[in-house]
Amino acid sequence: METGTGAPVTLINVLSVDPDKQRQLVDLLRENTETVIRTLPGWIATSLIASTDGKQVVIHSQWETPGDVEGMRADPRMRAYFPKIAALATMASTTGTVVMAHRR
């Protein structure tokens, strides 16, 4: 699907976690967002969504370009978090652009 040029890139990460470790994972992701993610070029916004059953955490973030997403993944400070996250959860990731959104 074709989208307008200059549209932000949306990165969705779905992390599957043991319900007993969801709070620990959310705390780690919050720390990472506040100390690393927010400082990176091209970052626009990040939301963390904790499932009510405790089994997943979704990270919804927006970046200016696909290159900014790759830059985040390659940043040494970010890479230092990967083993900590992997110790708590498995992750699936995808990028795309918002093609429709409604707000009240």
C-alpha atoms as a PDB file:
ATOM      1  CA  MET A   1       0.000   0.000   0.000  1.00  0.00           C
ATOM      2  CA  GLU A   2       1.377   3.356  -1.027  1.00  0.00           C
ATOM      3  CA  THR A   3       1.570   6.064   1.652  1.00  0.00           C
ATOM      4  CA  GLY A   4       2.474   9.722   1.576  1.00  0.00           C
ATOM      5  CA  THR A   5       6.152  10.644   1.639  1.00  0.00           C
ATOM      6  CA  GLY A   6       7.526  11.772   4.924  1.00  0.00           C
ATOM      7  CA  ALA A   7       5.077   9.651   6.930  1.00  0.00           C
ATOM      8  CA  PRO A   8       6.548   8.509  10.267  1.00  0.00           C
ATOM      9  CA  VAL A   9       7.598   4.880  10.557  1.00  0.00           C
ATOM     10  CA  THR A  10       5.662   2.921  13.166  1.00  0.00           C
ATOM     11  CA  LEU A  11       7.557   0.166  14.986  1.00  0.00           C
ATOM     12  CA  ILE A  12       5.515  -2.457  16.806  1.00  0.00           C
ATOM     13  CA  ASN A  13       7.191  -4.941  19.138  1.00  0.00           C
ATOM     14  CA  VAL A  14       5.124  -7.657  20.804  1.00  0.00           C
ATOM     15  CA  LEU A  15       6.920  -9.222  23.747  1.00  0.00           C
ATOM     16  CA  SER A  16       5.637 -12.459  25.259  1.00  0.00           C
ATOM     17  CA  VAL A  17       6.438 -12.780  28.941  1.00  0.00           C
ATOM     18  CA  ASP A  18       5.643 -14.917  31.968  1.00  0.00           C
ATOM     19  CA  PRO A  19       2.910 -13.017  33.863  1.00  0.00           C
ATOM     20  CA  ASP A  20       5.078 -13.022  36.991  1.00  0.00           C
ATOM     21  CA  LYS A  21       7.739 -11.064  35.079  1.00  0.00           C
ATOM     22  CA  GLN A  22       5.547  -8.556  33.241  1.00  0.00           C
ATOM     23  CA  ARG A  23       6.105  -5.762  35.792  1.00  0.00           C
ATOM     24  CA  GLN A  24       9.883  -6.303  35.687  1.00  0.00           C
ATOM     25  CA  LEU A  25       9.803  -6.155  31.878  1.00  0.00           C
ATOM     26  CA  VAL A  26       7.696  -2.973  31.856  1.00  0.00           C
ATOM     27  CA  ASP A  27      10.105  -1.339  34.321  1.00  0.00           C
ATOM     28  CA  LEU A  28      13.091  -2.303  32.143  1.00  0.00           C
ATOM     29  CA  LEU A  29      11.407  -0.987  28.988  1.00  0.00           C
ATOM     30  CA  ARG A  30      10.411   2.246  30.739  1.00  0.00           C
ATOM     31  CA  GLU A  31      14.000   2.781  31.889  1.00  0.00           C
ATOM     32  CA  ASN A  32      15.284   2.061  28.378  1.00  0.00           C
ATOM     33  CA  THR A  33      12.806   4.492  26.828  1.00  0.00           C
ATOM     34  CA  GLU A  34      13.602   7.265  29.297  1.00  0.00           C
ATOM     35  CA  THR A  35      17.410   6.911  29.194  1.00  0.00           C
ATOM     36  CA  VAL A  36      18.179   5.717  25.650  1.00  0.00           C
ATOM     37  CA  ILE A  37      15.287   5.739  23.179  1.00  0.00           C
ATOM     38  CA  ARG A  38      14.254   9.348  23.860  1.00  0.00           C
ATOM     39  CA  THR A  39      17.791  10.548  23.081  1.00  0.00           C
ATOM     40  CA  LEU A  40      18.107   8.904  19.672  1.00  0.00           C
ATOM     41  CA  PRO A  41      17.847  10.772  16.351  1.00  0.00           C
ATOM     42  CA  GLY A  42      14.462  10.476  14.674  1.00  0.00           C
ATOM     43  CA  TRP A  43      12.529   9.291  17.726  1.00  0.00           C
ATOM     44  CA  ILE A  44       9.007  10.726  17.874  1.00  0.00           C
ATOM     45  CA  ALA A  45       7.002   8.781  20.487  1.00  0.00           C
ATOM     46  CA  THR A  46       6.805   5.521  22.433  1.00  0.00           C
ATOM     47  CA  SER A  47       3.904   3.837  24.227  1.00  0.00           C
ATOM     48  CA  LEU A  48       4.082   0.687  26.341  1.00  0.00           C
ATOM     49  CA  ILE A  49       0.933  -1.422  26.572  1.00  0.00           C
ATOM     50  CA  ALA A  50       0.734  -4.203  29.181  1.00  0.00           C
ATOM     51  CA  SER A  51      -1.838  -6.896  28.465  1.00  0.00           C
ATOM     52  CA  THR A  52      -4.390  -7.422  31.205  1.00  0.00           C
ATOM     53  CA  ASP A  53      -3.566 -11.154  31.362  1.00  0.00           C
ATOM     54  CA  GLY A  54       0.103 -10.332  32.062  1.00  0.00           C
ATOM     55  CA  LYS A  55       1.396 -12.376  29.125  1.00  0.00           C
ATOM     56  CA  GLN A  56       2.418  -9.630  26.722  1.00  0.00           C
ATOM     57  CA  VAL A  57       3.810  -6.140  26.491  1.00  0.00           C
ATOM     58  CA  VAL A  58       3.433  -4.168  23.268  1.00  0.00           C
ATOM     59  CA  ILE A  59       5.809  -1.359  22.377  1.00  0.00           C
ATOM     60  CA  HIS A  60       4.327   1.119  19.896  1.00  0.00           C
ATOM     61  CA  SER A  61       6.835   3.703  18.734  1.00  0.00           C
ATOM     62  CA  GLN A  62       7.155   6.165  15.908  1.00  0.00           C
ATOM     63  CA  TRP A  63      10.304   7.257  14.123  1.00  0.00           C
ATOM     64  CA  GLU A  64      10.977   9.796  11.401  1.00  0.00           C
ATOM     65  CA  THR A  65      12.585   7.325   8.925  1.00  0.00           C
ATOM     66  CA  PRO A  66      13.389   3.617   8.520  1.00  0.00           C
ATOM     67  CA  GLY A  67      17.057   4.587   8.909  1.00  0.00           C
ATOM     68  CA  ASP A  68      16.286   5.975  12.366  1.00  0.00           C
ATOM     69  CA  VAL A  69      14.842   2.576  13.383  1.00  0.00           C
ATOM     70  CA  GLU A  70      18.002   0.858  12.143  1.00  0.00           C
ATOM     71  CA  GLY A  71      20.137   3.450  13.938  1.00  0.00           C
ATOM     72  CA  MET A  72      18.283   2.718  17.182  1.00  0.00           C
ATOM     73  CA  ARG A  73      18.851  -1.019  16.774  1.00  0.00           C
ATOM     74  CA  ALA A  74      22.569  -0.467  16.134  1.00  0.00           C
ATOM     75  CA  ASP A  75      23.155   2.002  18.981  1.00  0.00           C
ATOM     76  CA  PRO A  76      25.529   0.446  21.563  1.00  0.00           C
ATOM     77  CA  ARG A  77      23.401   1.681  24.481  1.00  0.00           C
ATOM     78  CA  MET A  78      20.351   0.019  22.956  1.00  0.00           C
ATOM     79  CA  ARG A  79      22.228  -3.170  22.162  1.00  0.00           C
ATOM     80  CA  ALA A  80      23.196  -3.387  25.846  1.00  0.00           C
ATOM     81  CA  TYR A  81      19.470  -3.740  26.669  1.00  0.00           C
ATOM     82  CA  PHE A  82      18.794  -6.582  24.223  1.00  0.00           C
ATOM     83  CA  PRO A  83      20.156  -9.398  26.463  1.00  0.00           C
ATOM     84  CA  LYS A  84      18.229  -8.023  29.462  1.00  0.00           C
ATOM     85  CA  ILE A  85      15.006  -7.976  27.453  1.00  0.00           C
ATOM     86  CA  ALA A  86      15.677 -11.434  25.983  1.00  0.00           C
ATOM     87  CA  ALA A  87      16.157 -12.834  29.506  1.00  0.00           C
ATOM     88  CA  LEU A  88      12.557 -11.853  30.316  1.00  0.00           C
ATOM     89  CA  ALA A  89      10.639 -12.221  27.052  1.00  0.00           C
ATOM     90  CA  THR A  90      10.530 -13.319  23.441  1.00  0.00           C
ATOM     91  CA  MET A  91       9.857 -10.658  20.849  1.00  0.00           C
ATOM     92  CA  ALA A  92       8.252 -10.262  17.441  1.00  0.00           C
ATOM     93  CA  SER A  93       8.757  -6.998  15.577  1.00  0.00           C
ATOM     94  CA  THR A  94       7.381  -5.226  12.510  1.00  0.00           C
ATOM     95  CA  THR A  95       7.480  -1.769  10.978  1.00  0.00           C
ATOM     96  CA  GLY A  96       4.935   0.049   8.843  1.00  0.00           C
ATOM     97  CA  THR A  97       3.158   3.338   8.319  1.00  0.00           C
ATOM     98  CA  VAL A  98      -0.189   4.357   9.707  1.00  0.00           C
ATOM     99  CA  VAL A  99      -2.704   4.190   6.883  1.00  0.00           C
ATOM    100  CA  MET A 100      -5.782   5.039   8.977  1.00  0.00           C
ATOM    101  CA  ALA A 101      -6.419   6.352  12.461  1.00  0.00           C
ATOM    102  CA  HIS A 102      -9.564   7.646  14.142  1.00  0.00           C
ATOM    103  CA  ARG A 103      -9.673   9.832  17.216  1.00  0.00           C
ATOM    104  CA  ARG A 104     -12.575  11.053  19.201  1.00  0.00           C
END
